[in-house]
Amino acid sequence: MDAARSEVARLVAAGSKRSEAVRQVAAATGVDRRELYRPE
């Protein structure tokens, strides 16, 4: 889970929209999108 959230943060820092980054990471990892939006 931490790795997936870190990947979202990396993509956003690289210029991706947060929603697109979350969608991409969720598809690649199988983690639920809603979980990626939640703070730790």
PDB file of N, CA and C in Angstrom:
ATOM      1  N   MET A   1       0.820  -1.196   0.000  1.00  0.00           N
ATOM      2  CA  MET A   1       0.000   0.000   0.000  1.00  0.00           C
ATOM      3  C   MET A   1       0.863   1.259   0.000  1.00  0.00           C
ATOM      4  N   ASP A   2       1.895   1.270   0.844  1.00  0.00           N
ATOM      5  CA  ASP A   2       2.780   2.438   0.892  1.00  0.00           C
ATOM      6  C   ASP A   2       3.466   2.658  -0.449  1.00  0.00           C
ATOM      7  N   ALA A   3       3.850   1.573  -1.087  1.00  0.00           N
ATOM      8  CA  ALA A   3       4.513   1.686  -2.388  1.00  0.00           C
ATOM      9  C   ALA A   3       3.556   2.268  -3.425  1.00  0.00           C
ATOM     10  N   ALA A   4       2.297   1.873  -3.374  1.00  0.00           N
ATOM     11  CA  ALA A   4       1.307   2.388  -4.320  1.00  0.00           C
ATOM     12  C   ALA A   4       1.081   3.882  -4.090  1.00  0.00           C
ATOM     13  N   ARG A   5       0.976   4.283  -2.829  1.00  0.00           N
ATOM     14  CA  ARG A   5       0.797   5.711  -2.528  1.00  0.00           C
ATOM     15  C   ARG A   5       2.029   6.519  -2.946  1.00  0.00           C
ATOM     16  N   SER A   6       3.196   5.942  -2.762  1.00  0.00           N
ATOM     17  CA  SER A   6       4.433   6.613  -3.172  1.00  0.00           C
ATOM     18  C   SER A   6       4.471   6.793  -4.683  1.00  0.00           C
ATOM     19  N   GLU A   7       3.995   5.796  -5.395  1.00  0.00           N
ATOM     20  CA  GLU A   7       3.960   5.883  -6.856  1.00  0.00           C
ATOM     21  C   GLU A   7       2.990   6.972  -7.302  1.00  0.00           C
ATOM     22  N   VAL A   8       1.844   7.077  -6.640  1.00  0.00           N
ATOM     23  CA  VAL A   8       0.893   8.160  -6.956  1.00  0.00           C
ATOM     24  C   VAL A   8       1.576   9.513  -6.736  1.00  0.00           C
ATOM     25  N   ALA A   9       2.245   9.661  -5.613  1.00  0.00           N
ATOM     26  CA  ALA A   9       2.936  10.917  -5.308  1.00  0.00           C
ATOM     27  C   ALA A   9       4.003  11.227  -6.354  1.00  0.00           C
ATOM     28  N   ARG A  10       4.715  10.204  -6.792  1.00  0.00           N
ATOM     29  CA  ARG A  10       5.755  10.407  -7.810  1.00  0.00           C
ATOM     30  C   ARG A  10       5.154  10.880  -9.127  1.00  0.00           C
ATOM     31  N   LEU A  11       4.045  10.256  -9.533  1.00  0.00           N
ATOM     32  CA  LEU A  11       3.396  10.641 -10.788  1.00  0.00           C
ATOM     33  C   LEU A  11       2.844  12.061 -10.723  1.00  0.00           C
ATOM     34  N   VAL A  12       2.267  12.417  -9.583  1.00  0.00           N
ATOM     35  CA  VAL A  12       1.741  13.782  -9.416  1.00  0.00           C
ATOM     36  C   VAL A  12       2.883  14.789  -9.463  1.00  0.00           C
ATOM     37  N   ALA A  13       3.987  14.477  -8.818  1.00  0.00           N
ATOM     38  CA  ALA A  13       5.155  15.366  -8.833  1.00  0.00           C
ATOM     39  C   ALA A  13       5.712  15.525 -10.247  1.00  0.00           C
ATOM     40  N   ALA A  14       5.522  14.500 -11.068  1.00  0.00           N
ATOM     41  CA  ALA A  14       6.007  14.550 -12.445  1.00  0.00           C
ATOM     42  C   ALA A  14       5.041  15.273 -13.372  1.00  0.00           C
ATOM     43  N   GLY A  15       3.875  15.712 -12.813  1.00  0.00           N
ATOM     44  CA  GLY A  15       2.957  16.507 -13.629  1.00  0.00           C
ATOM     45  C   GLY A  15       1.626  15.870 -13.952  1.00  0.00           C
ATOM     46  N   SER A  16       1.405  14.647 -13.524  1.00  0.00           N
ATOM     47  CA  SER A  16       0.123  13.988 -13.792  1.00  0.00           C
ATOM     48  C   SER A  16      -0.957  14.548 -12.878  1.00  0.00           C
ATOM     49  N   LYS A  17      -2.195  14.498 -13.357  1.00  0.00           N
ATOM     50  CA  LYS A  17      -3.324  14.837 -12.492  1.00  0.00           C
ATOM     51  C   LYS A  17      -3.446  13.732 -11.455  1.00  0.00           C
ATOM     52  N   ARG A  18      -3.838  14.114 -10.238  1.00  0.00           N
ATOM     53  CA  ARG A  18      -3.956  13.119  -9.155  1.00  0.00           C
ATOM     54  C   ARG A  18      -4.935  12.010  -9.529  1.00  0.00           C
ATOM     55  N   SER A  19      -6.062  12.371 -10.129  1.00  0.00           N
ATOM     56  CA  SER A  19      -7.060  11.354 -10.481  1.00  0.00           C
ATOM     57  C   SER A  19      -6.503  10.364 -11.499  1.00  0.00           C
ATOM     58  N   GLU A  20      -5.743  10.857 -12.452  1.00  0.00           N
ATOM     59  CA  GLU A  20      -5.152   9.978 -13.461  1.00  0.00           C
ATOM     60  C   GLU A  20      -4.067   9.092 -12.846  1.00  0.00           C
ATOM     61  N   ALA A  21      -3.273   9.676 -11.957  1.00  0.00           N
ATOM     62  CA  ALA A  21      -2.221   8.905 -11.291  1.00  0.00           C
ATOM     63  C   ALA A  21      -2.835   7.787 -10.453  1.00  0.00           C
ATOM     64  N   VAL A  22      -3.888   8.111  -9.709  1.00  0.00           N
ATOM     65  CA  VAL A  22      -4.556   7.110  -8.879  1.00  0.00           C
ATOM     66  C   VAL A  22      -5.133   6.004  -9.751  1.00  0.00           C
ATOM     67  N   ARG A  23      -5.766   6.371 -10.838  1.00  0.00           N
ATOM     68  CA  ARG A  23      -6.367   5.377 -11.734  1.00  0.00           C
ATOM     69  C   ARG A  23      -5.293   4.448 -12.300  1.00  0.00           C
ATOM     70  N   GLN A  24      -4.184   5.024 -12.707  1.00  0.00           N
ATOM     71  CA  GLN A  24      -3.087   4.247 -13.299  1.00  0.00           C
ATOM     72  C   GLN A  24      -2.480   3.277 -12.279  1.00  0.00           C
ATOM     73  N   VAL A  25      -2.206   3.767 -11.078  1.00  0.00           N
ATOM     74  CA  VAL A  25      -1.597   2.923 -10.047  1.00  0.00           C
ATOM     75  C   VAL A  25      -2.575   1.839  -9.598  1.00  0.00           C
ATOM     76  N   ALA A  26      -3.843   2.187  -9.473  1.00  0.00           N
ATOM     77  CA  ALA A  26      -4.846   1.195  -9.080  1.00  0.00           C
ATOM     78  C   ALA A  26      -4.924   0.067 -10.103  1.00  0.00           C
ATOM     79  N   ALA A  27      -4.882   0.414 -11.376  1.00  0.00           N
ATOM     80  CA  ALA A  27      -4.938  -0.605 -12.423  1.00  0.00           C
ATOM     81  C   ALA A  27      -3.705  -1.503 -12.400  1.00  0.00           C
ATOM     82  N   ALA A  28      -2.549  -0.913 -12.127  1.00  0.00           N
ATOM     83  CA  ALA A  28      -1.296  -1.673 -12.149  1.00  0.00           C
ATOM     84  C   ALA A  28      -1.125  -2.557 -10.912  1.00  0.00           C
ATOM     85  N   THR A  29      -1.655  -2.109  -9.776  1.00  0.00           N
ATOM     86  CA  THR A  29      -1.395  -2.822  -8.527  1.00  0.00           C
ATOM     87  C   THR A  29      -2.585  -3.607  -7.997  1.00  0.00           C
ATOM     88  N   GLY A  30      -3.778  -3.268  -8.444  1.00  0.00           N
ATOM     89  CA  GLY A  30      -4.975  -3.919  -7.923  1.00  0.00           C
ATOM     90  C   GLY A  30      -5.481  -3.303  -6.626  1.00  0.00           C
ATOM     91  N   VAL A  31      -4.828  -2.227  -6.165  1.00  0.00           N
ATOM     92  CA  VAL A  31      -5.268  -1.524  -4.956  1.00  0.00           C
ATOM     93  C   VAL A  31      -6.496  -0.687  -5.325  1.00  0.00           C
ATOM     94  N   ASP A  32      -7.475  -0.680  -4.441  1.00  0.00           N
ATOM     95  CA  ASP A  32      -8.691   0.089  -4.686  1.00  0.00           C
ATOM     96  C   ASP A  32      -8.370   1.582  -4.782  1.00  0.00           C
ATOM     97  N   ARG A  33      -8.963   2.249  -5.764  1.00  0.00           N
ATOM     98  CA  ARG A  33      -8.699   3.675  -5.953  1.00  0.00           C
ATOM     99  C   ARG A  33      -9.005   4.483  -4.695  1.00  0.00           C
ATOM    100  N   ARG A  34     -10.082   4.159  -4.015  1.00  0.00           N
ATOM    101  CA  ARG A  34     -10.458   4.916  -2.816  1.00  0.00           C
ATOM    102  C   ARG A  34      -9.394   4.808  -1.736  1.00  0.00           C
ATOM    103  N   GLU A  35      -8.721   3.668  -1.660  1.00  0.00           N
ATOM    104  CA  GLU A  35      -7.656   3.501  -0.675  1.00  0.00           C
ATOM    105  C   GLU A  35      -6.470   4.420  -0.989  1.00  0.00           C
ATOM    106  N   LEU A  36      -6.229   4.667  -2.260  1.00  0.00           N
ATOM    107  CA  LEU A  36      -5.103   5.510  -2.647  1.00  0.00           C
ATOM    108  C   LEU A  36      -5.350   6.975  -2.336  1.00  0.00           C
ATOM    109  N   TYR A  37      -6.603   7.374  -2.220  1.00  0.00           N
ATOM    110  CA  TYR A  37      -6.926   8.758  -1.884  1.00  0.00           C
ATOM    111  C   TYR A  37      -6.857   9.008  -0.382  1.00  0.00           C
ATOM    112  N   ARG A  38      -7.000   7.964   0.420  1.00  0.00           N
ATOM    113  CA  ARG A  38      -7.019   8.127   1.874  1.00  0.00           C
ATOM    114  C   ARG A  38      -5.660   8.499   2.410  1.00  0.00           C
ATOM    115  N   PRO A  39      -5.632   9.433   3.375  1.00  0.00           N
ATOM    116  CA  PRO A  39      -4.339   9.719   4.027  1.00  0.00           C
ATOM    117  C   PRO A  39      -3.932   8.535   4.898  1.00  0.00           C
ATOM    118  N   GLU A  40      -2.669   8.385   5.128  1.00  0.00           N
ATOM    119  CA  GLU A  40      -2.171   7.250   5.913  1.00  0.00           C
ATOM    120  C   GLU A  40      -2.545   7.354   7.363  1.00  0.00           C
TER     121      GLU A  40
END
